[in-house]
Amino acid sequence: MKKIWILTSLFLCLPLVGCTMGNNNEAEQKLNDPNRTINVKNSAPDQMQHKSAKEIARHLVTLSEDVPGVNDATAVIVGKYALVGIDVDNNLDRSEVASTKYTVAEGLKNDPYGAHAVVLADPDTYTRLKSIARQIRQGHPVTGFLDELAAMVNRVMPEVSQQIRKNPEGTGTNDNKLSPKQQKELKDNQLKQSNHKIQDNKE
C-alpha cells in the first residue's frame, strides 16, 4: 500500500515540476524581450503638497522672518500669488531695506509656494496687509480685498520674486543694428574721442 501511495504522489508531482519549469522559461523570455513594456509607479515625492491658503501663508511668513533684519512678516494668498509684507528694523536706511526685501524675495523664489510672491516693505502697507490677513483668518472672503491688494502692489515698487534673475539677459534690441563697416567707424570715432587719445594729442 505504501508503494502505491509513493508512486501516486510521485506521478502527481512530476507534472507540477514540469509546469513550473515551463513557466520559468516563459518568464525568462519575457525578461529578455526588448519590446516588453514596463509599468512602474511614480515614487518621486511631489514638490508641492496641497496646502490650504492659511498653511501657505504661515509657511511664507516663517521663511520671511528667518531673514536677518526682518522683525515680523505677514502674507495674504490670492490663488497662486502671494503678497508678503515685512516689518524691518527702523534704523535701516533705504538701501538696507531694499537689500532685505531682495533677500526675502530670493528666498521665496526658491520655494515652490513663494515662486509668485510680491514682497512689500513699506510700513503702512505692511500694517494694512497684516490687518487684511487677520480679517481673512476670521472668515472674511479674500475677494472683498482684491481691489485694495491690487492697489498696494501698484502703489509700491515691490520686488517680484518671479522676475528676479541672477543673470539678467539683454533685450537684444540693439544687436546687429549697425553694419560691420558702421561698427568699425563707430569704434574708430570712440577711440579718437577717448581720454587716452586726447591726452596723446596734448603732448
N, C-alpha and C. Protein backbone atom coordinates (compact mmCIF):
# COMPACT_ATOMS: atom_id res chain seq x y z
N MET A 1 0.82 -1.18 0.00
CA MET A 1 0.00 0.00 0.00
C MET A 1 0.87 1.26 0.00
N LYS A 2 1.96 1.16 0.75
CA LYS A 2 2.85 2.31 0.80
C LYS A 2 3.47 2.58 -0.56
N LYS A 3 3.78 1.51 -1.30
CA LYS A 3 4.38 1.68 -2.61
C LYS A 3 3.42 2.38 -3.55
N ILE A 4 2.18 2.05 -3.50
CA ILE A 4 1.18 2.68 -4.36
C ILE A 4 1.04 4.16 -4.00
N TRP A 5 1.01 4.43 -2.73
CA TRP A 5 0.89 5.82 -2.27
C TRP A 5 2.09 6.65 -2.72
N ILE A 6 3.29 6.12 -2.63
CA ILE A 6 4.51 6.82 -3.03
C ILE A 6 4.51 7.02 -4.54
N LEU A 7 4.16 6.00 -5.30
CA LEU A 7 4.13 6.11 -6.76
C LEU A 7 3.07 7.12 -7.21
N THR A 8 1.94 7.14 -6.59
CA THR A 8 0.87 8.08 -6.93
C THR A 8 1.33 9.51 -6.64
N SER A 9 1.96 9.71 -5.52
CA SER A 9 2.46 11.04 -5.16
C SER A 9 3.51 11.50 -6.15
N LEU A 10 4.38 10.56 -6.54
CA LEU A 10 5.44 10.89 -7.49
C LEU A 10 4.86 11.28 -8.85
N PHE A 11 3.87 10.54 -9.32
CA PHE A 11 3.25 10.85 -10.61
C PHE A 11 2.50 12.18 -10.57
N LEU A 12 1.94 12.53 -9.44
CA LEU A 12 1.23 13.81 -9.32
C LEU A 12 2.21 14.99 -9.25
N CYS A 13 3.36 14.78 -8.66
CA CYS A 13 4.34 15.87 -8.52
C CYS A 13 5.11 16.14 -9.80
N LEU A 14 5.36 15.12 -10.61
CA LEU A 14 6.12 15.31 -11.84
C LEU A 14 5.48 16.33 -12.78
N PRO A 15 4.19 16.29 -13.05
CA PRO A 15 3.61 17.31 -13.94
C PRO A 15 3.72 18.72 -13.35
N LEU A 16 3.62 18.82 -12.03
CA LEU A 16 3.74 20.15 -11.41
C LEU A 16 5.14 20.71 -11.60
N VAL A 17 6.15 19.88 -11.46
CA VAL A 17 7.53 20.32 -11.65
C VAL A 17 7.72 20.71 -13.11
N GLY A 18 7.17 19.95 -14.02
CA GLY A 18 7.28 20.26 -15.45
C GLY A 18 6.62 21.59 -15.78
N CYS A 19 5.46 21.86 -15.20
CA CYS A 19 4.76 23.14 -15.44
C CYS A 19 5.57 24.30 -14.89
N THR A 20 6.16 24.06 -13.74
CA THR A 20 6.96 25.12 -13.14
C THR A 20 8.16 25.44 -14.01
N MET A 21 8.79 24.43 -14.55
CA MET A 21 9.94 24.65 -15.43
C MET A 21 9.51 25.41 -16.67
N GLY A 22 8.35 25.08 -17.21
CA GLY A 22 7.85 25.79 -18.40
C GLY A 22 7.55 27.24 -18.09
N ASN A 23 7.01 27.52 -16.92
CA ASN A 23 6.72 28.91 -16.52
C ASN A 23 8.00 29.71 -16.37
N ASN A 24 9.07 29.10 -15.86
CA ASN A 24 10.34 29.80 -15.72
C ASN A 24 10.90 30.19 -17.07
N ASN A 25 10.76 29.29 -18.05
CA ASN A 25 11.25 29.61 -19.39
C ASN A 25 10.47 30.78 -19.98
N GLU A 26 9.15 30.79 -19.78
CA GLU A 26 8.33 31.90 -20.27
C GLU A 26 8.71 33.20 -19.57
N ALA A 27 8.96 33.13 -18.29
CA ALA A 27 9.34 34.32 -17.53
C ALA A 27 10.67 34.86 -18.03
N GLU A 28 11.63 33.95 -18.29
CA GLU A 28 12.92 34.39 -18.81
C GLU A 28 12.78 35.02 -20.18
N GLN A 29 11.92 34.44 -21.01
CA GLN A 29 11.71 35.00 -22.35
C GLN A 29 11.11 36.41 -22.25
N LYS A 30 10.18 36.60 -21.34
CA LYS A 30 9.57 37.93 -21.16
C LYS A 30 10.60 38.94 -20.67
N LEU A 31 11.49 38.51 -19.78
CA LEU A 31 12.52 39.42 -19.27
C LEU A 31 13.50 39.82 -20.36
N ASN A 32 13.80 38.90 -21.26
CA ASN A 32 14.77 39.17 -22.32
C ASN A 32 14.15 39.82 -23.55
N ASP A 33 12.84 39.98 -23.58
CA ASP A 33 12.17 40.58 -24.73
C ASP A 33 12.42 42.09 -24.73
N PRO A 34 13.11 42.62 -25.78
CA PRO A 34 13.40 44.06 -25.81
C PRO A 34 12.17 44.93 -26.05
N ASN A 35 11.08 44.33 -26.53
CA ASN A 35 9.88 45.12 -26.83
C ASN A 35 8.86 45.12 -25.70
N ARG A 36 9.23 44.57 -24.56
CA ARG A 36 8.27 44.50 -23.45
C ARG A 36 8.05 45.88 -22.83
N THR A 37 6.91 46.09 -22.28
CA THR A 37 6.61 47.35 -21.60
C THR A 37 6.71 47.12 -20.11
N ILE A 38 7.30 48.11 -19.46
CA ILE A 38 7.43 48.03 -18.01
C ILE A 38 6.63 49.17 -17.41
N ASN A 39 5.72 48.84 -16.54
CA ASN A 39 4.93 49.85 -15.85
C ASN A 39 5.48 50.00 -14.44
N VAL A 40 5.79 51.23 -14.09
CA VAL A 40 6.30 51.50 -12.75
C VAL A 40 5.46 52.58 -12.09
N LYS A 41 5.43 52.54 -10.80
CA LYS A 41 4.72 53.56 -10.04
C LYS A 41 5.64 54.75 -9.85
N ASN A 42 5.13 55.95 -10.03
CA ASN A 42 5.92 57.16 -9.82
C ASN A 42 6.14 57.32 -8.32
N SER A 43 7.37 57.11 -7.90
CA SER A 43 7.66 57.17 -6.47
C SER A 43 8.30 58.48 -6.06
N ALA A 44 8.51 59.39 -7.03
CA ALA A 44 9.11 60.69 -6.69
C ALA A 44 8.11 61.50 -5.87
N PRO A 45 8.55 62.09 -4.77
CA PRO A 45 7.62 62.87 -3.96
C PRO A 45 7.23 64.16 -4.67
N ASP A 46 5.99 64.57 -4.48
CA ASP A 46 5.54 65.84 -5.04
C ASP A 46 6.34 66.96 -4.39
N GLN A 47 6.75 67.92 -5.21
CA GLN A 47 7.48 69.05 -4.65
C GLN A 47 6.53 69.96 -3.88
N MET A 48 5.29 69.99 -4.30
CA MET A 48 4.31 70.83 -3.62
C MET A 48 3.21 69.94 -3.06
N GLN A 49 3.04 69.99 -1.78
CA GLN A 49 1.91 69.30 -1.18
C GLN A 49 0.73 70.25 -1.28
N HIS A 50 -0.45 69.69 -1.29
CA HIS A 50 -1.63 70.54 -1.36
C HIS A 50 -1.93 71.08 0.03
N LYS A 51 -1.68 72.37 0.19
CA LYS A 51 -1.89 73.03 1.48
C LYS A 51 -2.97 74.08 1.32
N SER A 52 -3.57 74.42 2.42
CA SER A 52 -4.57 75.49 2.41
C SER A 52 -3.86 76.84 2.32
N ALA A 53 -4.61 77.86 1.96
CA ALA A 53 -4.04 79.21 1.86
C ALA A 53 -3.46 79.65 3.20
N LYS A 54 -4.11 79.27 4.29
CA LYS A 54 -3.63 79.63 5.62
C LYS A 54 -2.28 78.97 5.91
N GLU A 55 -2.13 77.69 5.52
CA GLU A 55 -0.87 76.99 5.75
C GLU A 55 0.25 77.57 4.88
N ILE A 56 -0.08 77.91 3.64
CA ILE A 56 0.92 78.51 2.74
C ILE A 56 1.36 79.86 3.29
N ALA A 57 0.40 80.67 3.74
CA ALA A 57 0.73 81.98 4.30
C ALA A 57 1.65 81.83 5.51
N ARG A 58 1.33 80.89 6.39
CA ARG A 58 2.16 80.65 7.58
C ARG A 58 3.57 80.22 7.16
N HIS A 59 3.66 79.38 6.15
CA HIS A 59 4.96 78.91 5.65
C HIS A 59 5.79 80.07 5.09
N LEU A 60 5.17 80.94 4.29
CA LEU A 60 5.89 82.07 3.70
C LEU A 60 6.31 83.07 4.78
N VAL A 61 5.48 83.25 5.78
CA VAL A 61 5.82 84.14 6.90
C VAL A 61 7.05 83.60 7.63
N THR A 62 7.08 82.30 7.87
CA THR A 62 8.23 81.69 8.55
C THR A 62 9.51 81.88 7.75
N LEU A 63 9.43 81.65 6.43
CA LEU A 63 10.61 81.85 5.58
C LEU A 63 11.09 83.30 5.63
N SER A 64 10.14 84.23 5.58
CA SER A 64 10.49 85.66 5.57
C SER A 64 11.10 86.10 6.89
N GLU A 65 10.57 85.60 7.99
CA GLU A 65 11.07 86.00 9.30
C GLU A 65 12.46 85.44 9.60
N ASP A 66 12.88 84.43 8.85
CA ASP A 66 14.22 83.87 9.04
C ASP A 66 15.32 84.76 8.47
N VAL A 67 14.94 85.75 7.66
CA VAL A 67 15.92 86.65 7.05
C VAL A 67 16.36 87.69 8.08
N PRO A 68 17.67 87.89 8.24
CA PRO A 68 18.15 88.91 9.19
C PRO A 68 17.62 90.30 8.81
N GLY A 69 17.20 91.04 9.82
CA GLY A 69 16.66 92.39 9.60
C GLY A 69 15.15 92.43 9.52
N VAL A 70 14.50 91.26 9.42
CA VAL A 70 13.04 91.20 9.37
C VAL A 70 12.53 90.94 10.78
N ASN A 71 11.77 91.91 11.32
CA ASN A 71 11.20 91.75 12.66
C ASN A 71 9.95 90.88 12.65
N ASP A 72 9.11 91.08 11.64
CA ASP A 72 7.83 90.40 11.56
C ASP A 72 7.44 90.33 10.10
N ALA A 73 6.55 89.41 9.77
CA ALA A 73 6.08 89.28 8.39
C ALA A 73 4.63 88.85 8.40
N THR A 74 3.95 89.12 7.32
CA THR A 74 2.57 88.70 7.13
C THR A 74 2.39 88.35 5.67
N ALA A 75 1.41 87.51 5.38
CA ALA A 75 1.19 87.09 3.99
C ALA A 75 -0.29 86.90 3.72
N VAL A 76 -0.68 87.25 2.50
CA VAL A 76 -2.04 87.02 2.01
C VAL A 76 -1.90 86.24 0.71
N ILE A 77 -2.65 85.14 0.60
CA ILE A 77 -2.59 84.29 -0.58
C ILE A 77 -3.82 84.55 -1.43
N VAL A 78 -3.58 84.81 -2.73
CA VAL A 78 -4.67 85.02 -3.68
C VAL A 78 -4.40 84.08 -4.86
N GLY A 79 -5.06 82.92 -4.86
CA GLY A 79 -4.80 81.93 -5.90
C GLY A 79 -3.38 81.42 -5.79
N LYS A 80 -2.64 81.50 -6.91
CA LYS A 80 -1.24 81.06 -6.87
C LYS A 80 -0.29 82.19 -6.49
N TYR A 81 -0.82 83.37 -6.26
CA TYR A 81 0.00 84.53 -5.92
C TYR A 81 -0.02 84.78 -4.41
N ALA A 82 1.04 85.42 -3.94
CA ALA A 82 1.14 85.75 -2.52
C ALA A 82 1.67 87.16 -2.37
N LEU A 83 1.10 87.90 -1.44
CA LEU A 83 1.62 89.21 -1.06
C LEU A 83 2.23 89.03 0.32
N VAL A 84 3.51 89.32 0.43
CA VAL A 84 4.23 89.15 1.69
C VAL A 84 4.69 90.52 2.14
N GLY A 85 4.21 90.94 3.30
CA GLY A 85 4.64 92.21 3.89
C GLY A 85 5.66 91.93 4.98
N ILE A 86 6.74 92.72 4.97
CA ILE A 86 7.76 92.52 6.00
C ILE A 86 7.93 93.80 6.81
N ASP A 87 8.13 93.63 8.11
CA ASP A 87 8.42 94.74 9.01
C ASP A 87 9.91 94.67 9.31
N VAL A 88 10.64 95.70 8.89
CA VAL A 88 12.10 95.71 9.06
C VAL A 88 12.48 96.65 10.20
N ASP A 89 13.73 96.55 10.63
CA ASP A 89 14.24 97.42 11.69
C ASP A 89 14.09 98.88 11.27
N ASN A 90 13.69 99.72 12.21
CA ASN A 90 13.52 101.15 11.93
C ASN A 90 14.83 101.86 11.62
N ASN A 91 15.93 101.35 12.12
CA ASN A 91 17.21 102.03 11.93
C ASN A 91 17.89 101.68 10.60
N LEU A 92 17.25 100.87 9.75
CA LEU A 92 17.84 100.55 8.45
C LEU A 92 17.61 101.70 7.48
N ASP A 93 18.64 101.99 6.67
CA ASP A 93 18.44 103.02 5.65
C ASP A 93 17.78 102.38 4.42
N ARG A 94 17.46 103.22 3.46
CA ARG A 94 16.69 102.78 2.30
C ARG A 94 17.36 101.62 1.54
N SER A 95 18.68 101.70 1.35
CA SER A 95 19.38 100.65 0.61
C SER A 95 19.38 99.33 1.38
N GLU A 96 19.47 99.41 2.71
CA GLU A 96 19.43 98.19 3.52
C GLU A 96 18.04 97.56 3.49
N VAL A 97 17.01 98.39 3.46
CA VAL A 97 15.64 97.88 3.34
C VAL A 97 15.47 97.16 2.01
N ALA A 98 15.98 97.79 0.93
CA ALA A 98 15.89 97.18 -0.39
C ALA A 98 16.65 95.86 -0.43
N SER A 99 17.80 95.82 0.20
CA SER A 99 18.60 94.60 0.25
C SER A 99 17.87 93.50 1.01
N THR A 100 17.25 93.87 2.13
CA THR A 100 16.48 92.90 2.92
C THR A 100 15.30 92.38 2.11
N LYS A 101 14.62 93.29 1.44
CA LYS A 101 13.48 92.92 0.59
C LYS A 101 13.92 91.94 -0.50
N TYR A 102 15.06 92.24 -1.11
CA TYR A 102 15.60 91.38 -2.16
C TYR A 102 15.94 90.00 -1.61
N THR A 103 16.54 89.96 -0.42
CA THR A 103 16.91 88.69 0.20
C THR A 103 15.67 87.84 0.48
N VAL A 104 14.62 88.48 0.98
CA VAL A 104 13.36 87.77 1.23
C VAL A 104 12.80 87.24 -0.09
N ALA A 105 12.78 88.09 -1.12
CA ALA A 105 12.24 87.68 -2.42
C ALA A 105 13.04 86.52 -3.01
N GLU A 106 14.37 86.55 -2.86
CA GLU A 106 15.23 85.46 -3.36
C GLU A 106 14.88 84.16 -2.64
N GLY A 107 14.71 84.24 -1.32
CA GLY A 107 14.37 83.04 -0.55
C GLY A 107 13.01 82.48 -0.95
N LEU A 108 12.06 83.36 -1.20
CA LEU A 108 10.73 82.91 -1.58
C LEU A 108 10.73 82.35 -3.00
N LYS A 109 11.55 82.91 -3.86
CA LYS A 109 11.60 82.45 -5.25
C LYS A 109 12.00 80.98 -5.32
N ASN A 110 12.87 80.56 -4.41
CA ASN A 110 13.36 79.18 -4.42
C ASN A 110 12.41 78.21 -3.73
N ASP A 111 11.32 78.70 -3.19
CA ASP A 111 10.33 77.86 -2.54
C ASP A 111 9.15 77.68 -3.49
N PRO A 112 8.60 76.46 -3.64
CA PRO A 112 7.50 76.28 -4.58
C PRO A 112 6.27 77.12 -4.28
N TYR A 113 6.03 77.45 -3.02
CA TYR A 113 4.86 78.26 -2.68
C TYR A 113 5.12 79.75 -2.82
N GLY A 114 6.37 80.15 -2.85
CA GLY A 114 6.70 81.57 -2.93
C GLY A 114 7.15 82.02 -4.30
N ALA A 115 7.05 81.15 -5.29
CA ALA A 115 7.55 81.48 -6.63
C ALA A 115 6.82 82.67 -7.24
N HIS A 116 5.59 82.90 -6.84
CA HIS A 116 4.80 84.02 -7.38
C HIS A 116 4.48 85.03 -6.28
N ALA A 117 5.47 85.32 -5.47
CA ALA A 117 5.25 86.22 -4.33
C ALA A 117 5.71 87.63 -4.63
N VAL A 118 5.00 88.59 -4.07
CA VAL A 118 5.37 90.00 -4.13
C VAL A 118 5.74 90.41 -2.71
N VAL A 119 6.92 90.98 -2.55
CA VAL A 119 7.40 91.36 -1.22
C VAL A 119 7.26 92.87 -1.06
N LEU A 120 6.61 93.29 0.02
CA LEU A 120 6.37 94.70 0.31
C LEU A 120 7.01 95.04 1.65
N ALA A 121 7.72 96.18 1.71
CA ALA A 121 8.39 96.56 2.96
C ALA A 121 7.95 97.92 3.48
N ASP A 122 7.00 98.56 2.83
CA ASP A 122 6.51 99.86 3.28
C ASP A 122 5.75 99.67 4.60
N PRO A 123 6.03 100.49 5.64
CA PRO A 123 5.39 100.29 6.95
C PRO A 123 3.86 100.38 6.91
N ASP A 124 3.32 101.36 6.18
CA ASP A 124 1.86 101.49 6.11
C ASP A 124 1.24 100.30 5.39
N THR A 125 1.86 99.88 4.32
CA THR A 125 1.35 98.74 3.56
C THR A 125 1.43 97.48 4.39
N TYR A 126 2.53 97.32 5.12
CA TYR A 126 2.68 96.15 5.99
C TYR A 126 1.56 96.11 7.02
N THR A 127 1.27 97.25 7.65
CA THR A 127 0.23 97.32 8.68
C THR A 127 -1.13 96.95 8.09
N ARG A 128 -1.45 97.50 6.92
CA ARG A 128 -2.74 97.22 6.28
C ARG A 128 -2.82 95.75 5.84
N LEU A 129 -1.73 95.23 5.30
CA LEU A 129 -1.70 93.83 4.86
C LEU A 129 -1.89 92.89 6.04
N LYS A 130 -1.30 93.25 7.18
CA LYS A 130 -1.46 92.43 8.39
C LYS A 130 -2.92 92.45 8.84
N SER A 131 -3.57 93.61 8.74
CA SER A 131 -4.98 93.72 9.10
C SER A 131 -5.86 92.88 8.15
N ILE A 132 -5.55 92.93 6.86
CA ILE A 132 -6.31 92.14 5.89
C ILE A 132 -6.12 90.65 6.17
N ALA A 133 -4.89 90.23 6.45
CA ALA A 133 -4.61 88.82 6.74
C ALA A 133 -5.40 88.36 7.97
N ARG A 134 -5.47 89.22 8.99
CA ARG A 134 -6.23 88.88 10.20
C ARG A 134 -7.71 88.72 9.87
N GLN A 135 -8.26 89.64 9.06
CA GLN A 135 -9.68 89.56 8.69
C GLN A 135 -9.97 88.30 7.86
N ILE A 136 -9.04 87.92 6.99
CA ILE A 136 -9.23 86.71 6.19
C ILE A 136 -9.21 85.48 7.10
N ARG A 137 -8.32 85.46 8.10
CA ARG A 137 -8.29 84.34 9.05
C ARG A 137 -9.59 84.27 9.86
N GLN A 138 -10.24 85.42 10.06
CA GLN A 138 -11.50 85.45 10.80
C GLN A 138 -12.69 85.03 9.94
N GLY A 139 -12.44 84.78 8.64
CA GLY A 139 -13.50 84.27 7.79
C GLY A 139 -13.98 85.21 6.70
N HIS A 140 -13.48 86.42 6.64
CA HIS A 140 -13.86 87.33 5.56
C HIS A 140 -13.29 86.81 4.24
N PRO A 141 -14.05 86.92 3.14
CA PRO A 141 -13.54 86.41 1.85
C PRO A 141 -12.43 87.31 1.30
N VAL A 142 -11.42 86.67 0.71
CA VAL A 142 -10.30 87.41 0.14
C VAL A 142 -10.76 88.27 -1.04
N THR A 143 -11.84 87.86 -1.70
CA THR A 143 -12.33 88.63 -2.85
C THR A 143 -12.76 90.03 -2.46
N GLY A 144 -13.13 90.23 -1.21
CA GLY A 144 -13.52 91.55 -0.75
C GLY A 144 -12.34 92.52 -0.66
N PHE A 145 -11.14 91.99 -0.71
CA PHE A 145 -9.95 92.83 -0.58
C PHE A 145 -9.13 92.93 -1.88
N LEU A 146 -9.61 92.32 -2.96
CA LEU A 146 -8.82 92.26 -4.19
C LEU A 146 -8.43 93.62 -4.72
N ASP A 147 -9.36 94.57 -4.75
CA ASP A 147 -9.04 95.90 -5.27
C ASP A 147 -7.96 96.57 -4.42
N GLU A 148 -8.09 96.45 -3.12
CA GLU A 148 -7.10 97.07 -2.23
C GLU A 148 -5.73 96.40 -2.36
N LEU A 149 -5.73 95.08 -2.50
CA LEU A 149 -4.46 94.37 -2.67
C LEU A 149 -3.79 94.76 -3.99
N ALA A 150 -4.59 94.90 -5.04
CA ALA A 150 -4.04 95.32 -6.34
C ALA A 150 -3.47 96.73 -6.24
N ALA A 151 -4.14 97.60 -5.51
CA ALA A 151 -3.65 98.97 -5.33
C ALA A 151 -2.32 98.98 -4.57
N MET A 152 -2.19 98.10 -3.58
CA MET A 152 -0.93 98.01 -2.82
C MET A 152 0.23 97.65 -3.74
N VAL A 153 0.00 96.68 -4.59
CA VAL A 153 1.06 96.24 -5.49
C VAL A 153 1.42 97.34 -6.47
N ASN A 154 0.41 98.03 -6.98
CA ASN A 154 0.67 99.09 -7.96
C ASN A 154 1.30 100.33 -7.33
N ARG A 155 0.96 100.62 -6.09
CA ARG A 155 1.45 101.83 -5.43
C ARG A 155 2.91 101.71 -5.02
N VAL A 156 3.28 100.56 -4.52
CA VAL A 156 4.64 100.36 -4.02
C VAL A 156 5.45 99.65 -5.10
N MET A 157 6.74 99.92 -5.13
CA MET A 157 7.61 99.23 -6.09
C MET A 157 8.09 97.93 -5.45
N PRO A 158 7.35 96.84 -5.61
CA PRO A 158 7.71 95.60 -4.93
C PRO A 158 8.79 94.83 -5.68
N GLU A 159 9.45 93.97 -4.93
CA GLU A 159 10.38 93.02 -5.54
C GLU A 159 9.53 91.80 -5.89
N VAL A 160 9.31 91.58 -7.16
CA VAL A 160 8.52 90.43 -7.59
C VAL A 160 9.47 89.25 -7.71
N SER A 161 9.26 88.28 -6.82
CA SER A 161 10.24 87.19 -6.73
C SER A 161 10.34 86.38 -8.00
N GLN A 162 9.26 86.30 -8.77
CA GLN A 162 9.30 85.53 -10.00
C GLN A 162 10.19 86.19 -11.05
N GLN A 163 10.35 87.51 -11.00
CA GLN A 163 11.09 88.22 -12.03
C GLN A 163 12.55 88.45 -11.68
N ILE A 164 12.96 88.08 -10.48
CA ILE A 164 14.36 88.27 -10.09
C ILE A 164 15.20 87.23 -10.81
N ARG A 165 16.23 87.70 -11.49
CA ARG A 165 17.12 86.78 -12.20
C ARG A 165 18.53 86.98 -11.69
N LYS A 166 19.25 85.90 -11.60
CA LYS A 166 20.65 86.01 -11.17
C LYS A 166 21.48 86.69 -12.25
N ASN A 167 21.24 86.37 -13.49
CA ASN A 167 21.99 86.95 -14.60
C ASN A 167 20.99 87.55 -15.59
N PRO A 168 20.61 88.80 -15.42
CA PRO A 168 19.64 89.39 -16.34
C PRO A 168 20.16 89.34 -17.77
N GLU A 169 19.25 89.02 -18.67
CA GLU A 169 19.62 88.95 -20.08
C GLU A 169 19.27 90.26 -20.75
N GLY A 170 20.03 90.61 -21.77
CA GLY A 170 19.73 91.82 -22.54
C GLY A 170 18.47 91.62 -23.37
N THR A 171 17.93 92.71 -23.85
CA THR A 171 16.71 92.62 -24.65
C THR A 171 16.99 92.23 -26.08
N GLY A 172 18.22 92.47 -26.54
CA GLY A 172 18.57 92.14 -27.90
C GLY A 172 18.09 93.17 -28.91
N THR A 173 17.57 94.29 -28.44
CA THR A 173 17.02 95.28 -29.37
C THR A 173 18.10 96.01 -30.14
N ASN A 174 19.30 96.09 -29.61
CA ASN A 174 20.37 96.82 -30.29
C ASN A 174 21.34 95.91 -31.04
N ASP A 175 21.09 94.63 -31.00
CA ASP A 175 22.00 93.70 -31.67
C ASP A 175 21.94 93.87 -33.18
N ASN A 176 23.09 93.94 -33.78
CA ASN A 176 23.24 93.97 -35.24
C ASN A 176 22.45 95.08 -35.92
N LYS A 177 22.35 96.24 -35.32
CA LYS A 177 21.69 97.37 -35.97
C LYS A 177 22.65 98.09 -36.90
N LEU A 178 23.93 98.02 -36.61
CA LEU A 178 24.94 98.66 -37.46
C LEU A 178 25.61 97.61 -38.33
N SER A 179 25.91 98.02 -39.54
CA SER A 179 26.66 97.12 -40.42
C SER A 179 28.09 97.02 -39.88
N PRO A 180 28.84 96.01 -40.29
CA PRO A 180 30.23 95.89 -39.82
C PRO A 180 31.06 97.14 -40.12
N LYS A 181 30.82 97.76 -41.28
CA LYS A 181 31.56 98.97 -41.65
C LYS A 181 31.23 100.11 -40.67
N GLN A 182 29.91 100.26 -40.36
CA GLN A 182 29.48 101.31 -39.43
C GLN A 182 30.03 101.04 -38.02
N GLN A 183 30.06 99.78 -37.63
CA GLN A 183 30.61 99.43 -36.31
C GLN A 183 32.08 99.81 -36.22
N LYS A 184 32.84 99.57 -37.31
CA LYS A 184 34.26 99.93 -37.33
C LYS A 184 34.44 101.44 -37.25
N GLU A 185 33.60 102.19 -38.01
CA GLU A 185 33.67 103.66 -37.96
C GLU A 185 33.36 104.16 -36.55
N LEU A 186 32.35 103.59 -35.94
CA LEU A 186 31.97 103.99 -34.59
C LEU A 186 33.11 103.72 -33.61
N LYS A 187 33.70 102.56 -33.72
CA LYS A 187 34.80 102.20 -32.83
C LYS A 187 35.98 103.15 -33.03
N ASP A 188 36.29 103.49 -34.29
CA ASP A 188 37.38 104.43 -34.57
C ASP A 188 37.09 105.80 -33.97
N ASN A 189 35.85 106.28 -34.13
CA ASN A 189 35.46 107.58 -33.56
C ASN A 189 35.56 107.56 -32.04
N GLN A 190 35.12 106.47 -31.43
CA GLN A 190 35.20 106.37 -29.98
C GLN A 190 36.66 106.37 -29.52
N LEU A 191 37.50 105.71 -30.26
CA LEU A 191 38.92 105.68 -29.92
C LEU A 191 39.54 107.07 -30.04
N LYS A 192 39.16 107.80 -31.09
CA LYS A 192 39.67 109.17 -31.29
C LYS A 192 39.24 110.08 -30.15
N GLN A 193 38.01 109.88 -29.68
CA GLN A 193 37.45 110.78 -28.67
C GLN A 193 37.75 110.32 -27.24
N SER A 194 38.36 109.19 -27.09
CA SER A 194 38.63 108.69 -25.74
C SER A 194 39.66 109.56 -25.04
N ASN A 195 39.66 109.53 -23.74
CA ASN A 195 40.60 110.32 -22.93
C ASN A 195 42.04 109.98 -23.26
N HIS A 196 42.29 108.76 -23.55
CA HIS A 196 43.65 108.33 -23.86
C HIS A 196 44.16 109.04 -25.11
N LYS A 197 43.35 109.11 -26.14
CA LYS A 197 43.75 109.77 -27.39
C LYS A 197 43.88 111.28 -27.19
N ILE A 198 42.99 111.85 -26.39
CA ILE A 198 43.04 113.30 -26.15
C ILE A 198 44.34 113.65 -25.45
N GLN A 199 44.73 112.85 -24.46
CA GLN A 199 45.98 113.11 -23.75
C GLN A 199 47.18 112.96 -24.68
N ASP A 200 47.13 111.99 -25.60
CA ASP A 200 48.23 111.82 -26.56
C ASP A 200 48.35 113.03 -27.47
N ASN A 201 47.21 113.62 -27.85
CA ASN A 201 47.23 114.79 -28.74
C ASN A 201 47.77 116.03 -28.03
N LYS A 202 47.55 116.13 -26.72
CA LYS A 202 48.03 117.30 -25.96
C LYS A 202 49.54 117.28 -25.84
N GLU A 203 50.12 116.11 -25.79
CA GLU A 203 51.57 116.01 -25.60
C GLU A 203 52.28 116.28 -26.85
